[in-house]
Amino acid sequence: MSAEIKLSQSTAIRLEQARGKGMPEEELLKAIQAKDVSAFDAVSEEEYRYNEFFSYADEHGENLEEAVKDGYRITFNTRGGLGIWLEKAFKVQPEKDFTVGEGIVTGLQLKPEQAEVLAKRLASNWVITESKDVPAGQELTLKLRALV
């Protein structure tokens, strides 16, 4: 990847929602290339629909195809949005698998490869401040950069 692909938190949540609901990468890429909103009907949720997915990405210069192929970094994470993105990306549940507080996420247990993805995707306003080995992989603490 020559230049880092940046996506809004909203776009990243929708991409991970599609992946998490079993949309194969090839189908995801076909839908993006064709700008076919209806291809996302099966993975759409009331809170996260795809009606504005392509127009928003175009308007904000988000390269969806490259993001799917090469990865991306979220431009900015709110604490609530970070919790939702973690849920969609890693199939973890807030208050069960991790806790979101004021400027901190604690108790997040991920497999090592998931922790690596998180480190690449996490917006620069958050940092991983602690990582300890646990039977499931790693237990991470994330903090708002301003609080570190």
N, C-alpha and C. Protein backbone atom coordinates (compact mmCIF):
# COMPACT_ATOMS: atom_id res chain seq x y z
N MET A 1 0.85 -1.17 0.00
CA MET A 1 0.00 0.00 0.00
C MET A 1 0.90 1.23 0.00
N SER A 2 0.80 2.02 -1.04
CA SER A 2 1.68 3.18 -1.13
C SER A 2 1.22 4.30 -0.21
N ALA A 3 -0.03 4.71 -0.31
CA ALA A 3 -0.55 5.75 0.56
C ALA A 3 -1.62 5.14 1.46
N GLU A 4 -1.64 5.58 2.70
CA GLU A 4 -2.62 5.06 3.63
C GLU A 4 -4.03 5.51 3.23
N ILE A 5 -4.95 4.58 3.13
CA ILE A 5 -6.33 4.88 2.79
C ILE A 5 -7.05 5.30 4.07
N LYS A 6 -7.72 6.43 4.02
CA LYS A 6 -8.43 6.95 5.19
C LYS A 6 -9.94 6.81 4.94
N LEU A 7 -10.64 6.34 5.96
CA LEU A 7 -12.09 6.23 5.91
C LEU A 7 -12.69 6.88 7.14
N SER A 8 -13.87 7.44 6.96
CA SER A 8 -14.60 7.96 8.12
C SER A 8 -15.02 6.78 9.00
N GLN A 9 -15.29 7.07 10.23
CA GLN A 9 -15.77 6.05 11.16
C GLN A 9 -17.05 5.41 10.63
N SER A 10 -17.94 6.22 10.09
CA SER A 10 -19.21 5.73 9.56
C SER A 10 -19.01 4.76 8.40
N THR A 11 -18.13 5.09 7.48
CA THR A 11 -17.84 4.21 6.36
C THR A 11 -17.19 2.92 6.84
N ALA A 12 -16.25 3.03 7.76
CA ALA A 12 -15.56 1.85 8.30
C ALA A 12 -16.54 0.92 9.01
N ILE A 13 -17.48 1.48 9.76
CA ILE A 13 -18.49 0.66 10.44
C ILE A 13 -19.30 -0.12 9.41
N ARG A 14 -19.69 0.54 8.33
CA ARG A 14 -20.50 -0.14 7.31
C ARG A 14 -19.69 -1.24 6.59
N LEU A 15 -18.43 -0.96 6.31
CA LEU A 15 -17.60 -1.99 5.68
C LEU A 15 -17.49 -3.21 6.59
N GLU A 16 -17.21 -2.98 7.86
CA GLU A 16 -17.05 -4.09 8.80
C GLU A 16 -18.38 -4.80 9.07
N GLN A 17 -19.46 -4.06 9.01
CA GLN A 17 -20.78 -4.67 9.16
C GLN A 17 -21.02 -5.66 8.02
N ALA A 18 -20.71 -5.26 6.79
CA ALA A 18 -20.90 -6.14 5.63
C ALA A 18 -20.03 -7.39 5.77
N ARG A 19 -18.78 -7.19 6.15
CA ARG A 19 -17.87 -8.34 6.35
C ARG A 19 -18.37 -9.25 7.46
N GLY A 20 -18.74 -8.65 8.57
CA GLY A 20 -19.18 -9.41 9.73
C GLY A 20 -20.45 -10.20 9.50
N LYS A 21 -21.28 -9.72 8.58
CA LYS A 21 -22.52 -10.43 8.27
C LYS A 21 -22.31 -11.43 7.13
N GLY A 22 -21.05 -11.68 6.80
CA GLY A 22 -20.74 -12.75 5.87
C GLY A 22 -20.68 -12.38 4.40
N MET A 23 -20.66 -11.09 4.08
CA MET A 23 -20.55 -10.70 2.67
C MET A 23 -19.13 -11.02 2.21
N PRO A 24 -18.98 -11.94 1.25
CA PRO A 24 -17.63 -12.29 0.78
C PRO A 24 -16.91 -11.09 0.17
N GLU A 25 -15.60 -11.07 0.32
CA GLU A 25 -14.80 -9.95 -0.17
C GLU A 25 -15.03 -9.70 -1.66
N GLU A 26 -15.14 -10.77 -2.44
CA GLU A 26 -15.36 -10.63 -3.88
C GLU A 26 -16.69 -9.92 -4.17
N GLU A 27 -17.73 -10.28 -3.42
CA GLU A 27 -19.04 -9.63 -3.57
C GLU A 27 -18.97 -8.17 -3.15
N LEU A 28 -18.26 -7.92 -2.08
CA LEU A 28 -18.08 -6.57 -1.57
C LEU A 28 -17.40 -5.70 -2.63
N LEU A 29 -16.35 -6.22 -3.23
CA LEU A 29 -15.63 -5.47 -4.27
C LEU A 29 -16.50 -5.26 -5.50
N LYS A 30 -17.26 -6.27 -5.91
CA LYS A 30 -18.16 -6.12 -7.07
C LYS A 30 -19.19 -5.03 -6.82
N ALA A 31 -19.78 -5.04 -5.63
CA ALA A 31 -20.79 -4.04 -5.27
C ALA A 31 -20.19 -2.64 -5.27
N ILE A 32 -18.97 -2.52 -4.77
CA ILE A 32 -18.29 -1.21 -4.74
C ILE A 32 -17.97 -0.75 -6.15
N GLN A 33 -17.43 -1.63 -6.96
CA GLN A 33 -17.09 -1.27 -8.34
C GLN A 33 -18.32 -0.84 -9.13
N ALA A 34 -19.45 -1.51 -8.90
CA ALA A 34 -20.69 -1.19 -9.62
C ALA A 34 -21.50 -0.10 -8.91
N LYS A 35 -21.06 0.31 -7.72
CA LYS A 35 -21.81 1.25 -6.88
C LYS A 35 -23.26 0.79 -6.72
N ASP A 36 -23.39 -0.51 -6.40
CA ASP A 36 -24.69 -1.17 -6.27
C ASP A 36 -25.14 -1.20 -4.81
N VAL A 37 -25.94 -0.22 -4.44
CA VAL A 37 -26.44 -0.12 -3.06
C VAL A 37 -27.28 -1.35 -2.70
N SER A 38 -28.05 -1.86 -3.66
CA SER A 38 -28.93 -3.00 -3.37
C SER A 38 -28.15 -4.25 -2.99
N ALA A 39 -26.89 -4.34 -3.37
CA ALA A 39 -26.06 -5.50 -3.00
C ALA A 39 -25.88 -5.58 -1.48
N PHE A 40 -26.12 -4.46 -0.79
CA PHE A 40 -25.94 -4.42 0.66
C PHE A 40 -27.25 -4.63 1.43
N ASP A 41 -28.34 -4.89 0.70
CA ASP A 41 -29.65 -5.07 1.37
C ASP A 41 -29.61 -6.15 2.44
N ALA A 42 -28.95 -7.26 2.16
CA ALA A 42 -28.92 -8.39 3.10
C ALA A 42 -28.11 -8.09 4.37
N VAL A 43 -27.21 -7.12 4.31
CA VAL A 43 -26.37 -6.81 5.47
C VAL A 43 -26.74 -5.49 6.13
N SER A 44 -27.72 -4.82 5.57
CA SER A 44 -28.15 -3.53 6.10
C SER A 44 -28.86 -3.70 7.44
N GLU A 45 -28.70 -2.74 8.32
CA GLU A 45 -29.40 -2.72 9.61
C GLU A 45 -30.11 -1.39 9.72
N GLU A 46 -31.11 -1.33 10.56
CA GLU A 46 -31.87 -0.10 10.69
C GLU A 46 -30.97 1.10 11.00
N GLU A 47 -30.02 0.92 11.91
CA GLU A 47 -29.11 2.01 12.29
C GLU A 47 -28.02 2.25 11.24
N TYR A 48 -27.68 1.22 10.48
CA TYR A 48 -26.58 1.33 9.52
C TYR A 48 -27.00 0.83 8.15
N ARG A 49 -27.60 1.74 7.40
CA ARG A 49 -28.02 1.46 6.03
C ARG A 49 -26.95 1.97 5.08
N TYR A 50 -27.11 1.63 3.83
CA TYR A 50 -26.09 1.94 2.83
C TYR A 50 -26.57 2.96 1.79
N ASN A 51 -27.70 3.60 2.01
CA ASN A 51 -28.27 4.56 1.06
C ASN A 51 -27.27 5.62 0.59
N GLU A 52 -26.50 6.16 1.52
CA GLU A 52 -25.57 7.25 1.21
C GLU A 52 -24.11 6.77 1.15
N PHE A 53 -23.92 5.48 1.21
CA PHE A 53 -22.58 4.88 1.29
C PHE A 53 -21.67 5.38 0.17
N PHE A 54 -22.11 5.28 -1.06
CA PHE A 54 -21.26 5.65 -2.19
C PHE A 54 -21.16 7.16 -2.38
N SER A 55 -22.27 7.87 -2.21
CA SER A 55 -22.22 9.33 -2.39
C SER A 55 -21.32 9.97 -1.33
N TYR A 56 -21.40 9.47 -0.08
CA TYR A 56 -20.55 9.99 0.99
C TYR A 56 -19.08 9.71 0.68
N ALA A 57 -18.79 8.47 0.28
CA ALA A 57 -17.41 8.10 -0.04
C ALA A 57 -16.86 8.96 -1.18
N ASP A 58 -17.67 9.16 -2.21
CA ASP A 58 -17.24 10.00 -3.35
C ASP A 58 -16.99 11.43 -2.91
N GLU A 59 -17.93 11.97 -2.15
CA GLU A 59 -17.83 13.36 -1.70
C GLU A 59 -16.61 13.60 -0.82
N HIS A 60 -16.21 12.58 -0.04
CA HIS A 60 -15.09 12.73 0.89
C HIS A 60 -13.80 12.07 0.42
N GLY A 61 -13.77 11.64 -0.83
CA GLY A 61 -12.55 11.08 -1.40
C GLY A 61 -12.12 9.76 -0.78
N GLU A 62 -13.09 8.97 -0.34
CA GLU A 62 -12.77 7.67 0.25
C GLU A 62 -12.70 6.61 -0.84
N ASN A 63 -11.57 5.96 -0.96
CA ASN A 63 -11.38 4.93 -1.97
C ASN A 63 -11.78 3.58 -1.36
N LEU A 64 -13.04 3.23 -1.55
CA LEU A 64 -13.58 2.01 -0.93
C LEU A 64 -12.91 0.75 -1.45
N GLU A 65 -12.67 0.70 -2.74
CA GLU A 65 -12.06 -0.49 -3.34
C GLU A 65 -10.67 -0.74 -2.74
N GLU A 66 -9.85 0.29 -2.68
CA GLU A 66 -8.51 0.14 -2.10
C GLU A 66 -8.59 -0.17 -0.61
N ALA A 67 -9.56 0.40 0.08
CA ALA A 67 -9.72 0.13 1.51
C ALA A 67 -10.01 -1.35 1.76
N VAL A 68 -10.84 -1.94 0.90
CA VAL A 68 -11.16 -3.37 1.04
C VAL A 68 -9.93 -4.22 0.70
N LYS A 69 -9.25 -3.86 -0.36
CA LYS A 69 -8.09 -4.65 -0.81
C LYS A 69 -6.88 -4.51 0.10
N ASP A 70 -6.55 -3.26 0.48
CA ASP A 70 -5.28 -2.97 1.16
C ASP A 70 -5.40 -2.55 2.61
N GLY A 71 -6.62 -2.35 3.11
CA GLY A 71 -6.78 -1.88 4.47
C GLY A 71 -6.96 -0.37 4.52
N TYR A 72 -7.22 0.13 5.70
CA TYR A 72 -7.50 1.55 5.87
C TYR A 72 -7.21 1.96 7.30
N ARG A 73 -7.22 3.27 7.53
CA ARG A 73 -7.16 3.83 8.88
C ARG A 73 -8.37 4.74 9.02
N ILE A 74 -9.02 4.65 10.16
CA ILE A 74 -10.18 5.51 10.44
C ILE A 74 -9.64 6.91 10.73
N THR A 75 -10.31 7.92 10.18
CA THR A 75 -9.81 9.29 10.34
C THR A 75 -9.99 9.82 11.77
N PHE A 76 -11.09 9.45 12.42
CA PHE A 76 -11.36 9.94 13.77
C PHE A 76 -12.35 9.00 14.43
N ASN A 77 -12.08 8.58 15.66
CA ASN A 77 -12.99 7.71 16.40
C ASN A 77 -13.59 8.48 17.58
N THR A 78 -14.91 8.47 17.66
CA THR A 78 -15.56 8.90 18.90
C THR A 78 -15.58 7.67 19.81
N ARG A 79 -15.80 7.85 21.10
CA ARG A 79 -15.78 6.68 21.97
C ARG A 79 -16.94 5.74 21.64
N GLY A 80 -18.12 6.29 21.37
CA GLY A 80 -19.25 5.44 21.01
C GLY A 80 -19.04 4.75 19.69
N GLY A 81 -18.54 5.50 18.72
CA GLY A 81 -18.28 4.93 17.40
C GLY A 81 -17.20 3.87 17.44
N LEU A 82 -16.19 4.07 18.27
CA LEU A 82 -15.13 3.08 18.41
C LEU A 82 -15.72 1.78 18.94
N GLY A 83 -16.60 1.88 19.93
CA GLY A 83 -17.24 0.70 20.48
C GLY A 83 -18.05 -0.05 19.42
N ILE A 84 -18.78 0.69 18.59
CA ILE A 84 -19.58 0.08 17.52
C ILE A 84 -18.65 -0.57 16.50
N TRP A 85 -17.58 0.14 16.13
CA TRP A 85 -16.65 -0.43 15.14
C TRP A 85 -16.01 -1.71 15.68
N LEU A 86 -15.61 -1.72 16.94
CA LEU A 86 -15.03 -2.93 17.55
C LEU A 86 -16.02 -4.09 17.49
N GLU A 87 -17.27 -3.79 17.79
CA GLU A 87 -18.33 -4.79 17.76
C GLU A 87 -18.47 -5.38 16.35
N LYS A 88 -18.52 -4.52 15.34
CA LYS A 88 -18.70 -4.97 13.95
C LYS A 88 -17.45 -5.68 13.43
N ALA A 89 -16.28 -5.15 13.73
CA ALA A 89 -15.04 -5.69 13.17
C ALA A 89 -14.61 -7.00 13.82
N PHE A 90 -14.85 -7.15 15.12
CA PHE A 90 -14.31 -8.30 15.84
C PHE A 90 -15.37 -9.17 16.52
N LYS A 91 -16.64 -8.83 16.31
CA LYS A 91 -17.75 -9.60 16.91
C LYS A 91 -17.61 -9.69 18.42
N VAL A 92 -17.32 -8.58 19.04
CA VAL A 92 -17.26 -8.48 20.49
C VAL A 92 -18.41 -7.59 20.95
N GLN A 93 -18.82 -7.77 22.20
CA GLN A 93 -19.97 -7.04 22.74
C GLN A 93 -19.55 -6.08 23.84
N PRO A 94 -19.97 -4.80 23.71
CA PRO A 94 -19.68 -3.86 24.79
C PRO A 94 -20.30 -4.33 26.10
N GLU A 95 -19.63 -4.06 27.19
CA GLU A 95 -20.03 -4.44 28.55
C GLU A 95 -19.90 -5.94 28.81
N LYS A 96 -19.74 -6.74 27.78
CA LYS A 96 -19.50 -8.18 27.98
C LYS A 96 -18.04 -8.48 27.69
N ASP A 97 -17.56 -8.01 26.54
CA ASP A 97 -16.19 -8.31 26.10
C ASP A 97 -15.23 -7.15 26.29
N PHE A 98 -15.75 -5.96 26.53
CA PHE A 98 -14.92 -4.78 26.79
C PHE A 98 -15.80 -3.70 27.39
N THR A 99 -15.15 -2.71 27.99
CA THR A 99 -15.87 -1.60 28.62
C THR A 99 -15.40 -0.30 28.00
N VAL A 100 -16.37 0.55 27.64
CA VAL A 100 -16.05 1.87 27.10
C VAL A 100 -16.36 2.89 28.18
N GLY A 101 -15.32 3.65 28.56
CA GLY A 101 -15.50 4.71 29.54
C GLY A 101 -15.19 6.05 28.92
N GLU A 102 -15.03 7.06 29.73
CA GLU A 102 -14.68 8.40 29.23
C GLU A 102 -13.24 8.39 28.75
N GLY A 103 -13.06 8.29 27.46
CA GLY A 103 -11.72 8.33 26.89
C GLY A 103 -10.90 7.08 27.08
N ILE A 104 -11.56 5.95 27.40
CA ILE A 104 -10.81 4.71 27.63
C ILE A 104 -11.68 3.49 27.26
N VAL A 105 -11.02 2.49 26.71
CA VAL A 105 -11.64 1.19 26.46
C VAL A 105 -10.76 0.18 27.19
N THR A 106 -11.37 -0.62 28.06
CA THR A 106 -10.60 -1.59 28.85
C THR A 106 -11.15 -3.00 28.64
N GLY A 107 -10.28 -3.97 28.94
CA GLY A 107 -10.69 -5.37 28.93
C GLY A 107 -10.94 -5.97 27.56
N LEU A 108 -10.46 -5.33 26.51
CA LEU A 108 -10.69 -5.80 25.15
C LEU A 108 -9.75 -6.96 24.84
N GLN A 109 -10.32 -8.15 24.71
CA GLN A 109 -9.49 -9.32 24.40
C GLN A 109 -9.64 -9.68 22.94
N LEU A 110 -8.50 -9.70 22.25
CA LEU A 110 -8.46 -10.02 20.82
C LEU A 110 -7.38 -11.06 20.56
N LYS A 111 -7.55 -11.79 19.48
CA LYS A 111 -6.49 -12.68 19.00
C LYS A 111 -5.36 -11.79 18.49
N PRO A 112 -4.13 -12.28 18.47
CA PRO A 112 -3.01 -11.44 18.03
C PRO A 112 -3.22 -10.81 16.65
N GLU A 113 -3.78 -11.57 15.70
CA GLU A 113 -3.99 -11.01 14.35
C GLU A 113 -5.07 -9.91 14.37
N GLN A 114 -6.05 -10.03 15.26
CA GLN A 114 -7.07 -8.98 15.40
C GLN A 114 -6.45 -7.73 16.01
N ALA A 115 -5.58 -7.91 17.00
CA ALA A 115 -4.91 -6.77 17.63
C ALA A 115 -4.06 -6.02 16.61
N GLU A 116 -3.46 -6.77 15.69
CA GLU A 116 -2.66 -6.15 14.63
C GLU A 116 -3.55 -5.32 13.70
N VAL A 117 -4.71 -5.85 13.35
CA VAL A 117 -5.67 -5.11 12.51
C VAL A 117 -6.12 -3.85 13.24
N LEU A 118 -6.44 -3.98 14.51
CA LEU A 118 -6.86 -2.82 15.31
C LEU A 118 -5.80 -1.73 15.28
N ALA A 119 -4.55 -2.10 15.48
CA ALA A 119 -3.46 -1.11 15.50
C ALA A 119 -3.36 -0.37 14.17
N LYS A 120 -3.66 -1.04 13.07
CA LYS A 120 -3.60 -0.41 11.74
C LYS A 120 -4.82 0.46 11.46
N ARG A 121 -5.97 0.10 12.01
CA ARG A 121 -7.23 0.78 11.70
C ARG A 121 -7.56 1.94 12.64
N LEU A 122 -7.13 1.83 13.89
CA LEU A 122 -7.48 2.79 14.93
C LEU A 122 -7.10 4.21 14.53
N ALA A 123 -8.02 5.13 14.68
CA ALA A 123 -7.75 6.54 14.36
C ALA A 123 -6.63 7.06 15.26
N SER A 124 -5.91 8.04 14.77
CA SER A 124 -4.74 8.54 15.50
C SER A 124 -5.11 9.30 16.78
N ASN A 125 -6.40 9.58 17.00
CA ASN A 125 -6.77 10.22 18.26
C ASN A 125 -6.90 9.22 19.41
N TRP A 126 -6.69 7.92 19.13
CA TRP A 126 -6.68 6.86 20.13
C TRP A 126 -5.36 6.13 20.05
N VAL A 127 -4.91 5.58 21.18
CA VAL A 127 -3.69 4.77 21.20
C VAL A 127 -3.92 3.52 22.05
N ILE A 128 -3.20 2.47 21.71
CA ILE A 128 -3.21 1.27 22.54
C ILE A 128 -2.16 1.51 23.62
N THR A 129 -2.59 1.61 24.87
CA THR A 129 -1.65 1.96 25.94
C THR A 129 -1.16 0.75 26.71
N GLU A 130 -1.93 -0.33 26.69
CA GLU A 130 -1.50 -1.55 27.38
C GLU A 130 -1.88 -2.76 26.55
N SER A 131 -1.03 -3.75 26.60
CA SER A 131 -1.30 -5.03 25.94
C SER A 131 -0.68 -6.11 26.79
N LYS A 132 -1.50 -7.02 27.28
CA LYS A 132 -0.94 -8.14 28.05
C LYS A 132 -1.45 -9.45 27.46
N ASP A 133 -0.59 -10.45 27.52
CA ASP A 133 -0.95 -11.76 27.00
C ASP A 133 -1.94 -12.43 27.94
N VAL A 134 -3.00 -12.98 27.34
CA VAL A 134 -4.02 -13.74 28.07
C VAL A 134 -4.29 -15.00 27.26
N PRO A 135 -4.96 -16.00 27.84
CA PRO A 135 -5.20 -17.24 27.08
C PRO A 135 -5.87 -17.01 25.72
N ALA A 136 -6.77 -16.04 25.62
CA ALA A 136 -7.48 -15.77 24.36
C ALA A 136 -6.60 -15.04 23.34
N GLY A 137 -5.48 -14.50 23.78
CA GLY A 137 -4.60 -13.73 22.90
C GLY A 137 -3.99 -12.55 23.61
N GLN A 138 -4.60 -11.38 23.43
CA GLN A 138 -4.10 -10.17 24.10
C GLN A 138 -5.26 -9.41 24.71
N GLU A 139 -5.02 -8.83 25.88
CA GLU A 139 -5.99 -7.94 26.48
C GLU A 139 -5.46 -6.52 26.35
N LEU A 140 -6.27 -5.67 25.71
CA LEU A 140 -5.81 -4.33 25.36
C LEU A 140 -6.57 -3.26 26.13
N THR A 141 -5.85 -2.17 26.36
CA THR A 141 -6.46 -0.94 26.88
C THR A 141 -6.19 0.14 25.84
N LEU A 142 -7.24 0.83 25.45
CA LEU A 142 -7.13 1.93 24.48
C LEU A 142 -7.48 3.22 25.21
N LYS A 143 -6.74 4.28 24.88
CA LYS A 143 -7.04 5.57 25.49
C LYS A 143 -7.03 6.67 24.44
N LEU A 144 -7.81 7.70 24.70
CA LEU A 144 -7.74 8.89 23.87
C LEU A 144 -6.33 9.45 23.99
N ARG A 145 -5.74 9.79 22.88
CA ARG A 145 -4.36 10.29 22.88
C ARG A 145 -4.21 11.49 23.82
N ALA A 146 -5.21 12.35 23.90
CA ALA A 146 -5.15 13.54 24.74
C ALA A 146 -5.04 13.20 26.23
N LEU A 147 -5.41 11.98 26.60
CA LEU A 147 -5.38 11.59 28.01
C LEU A 147 -4.16 10.78 28.40
N VAL A 148 -3.27 10.54 27.43
CA VAL A 148 -2.09 9.71 27.69
C VAL A 148 -0.96 10.58 28.22
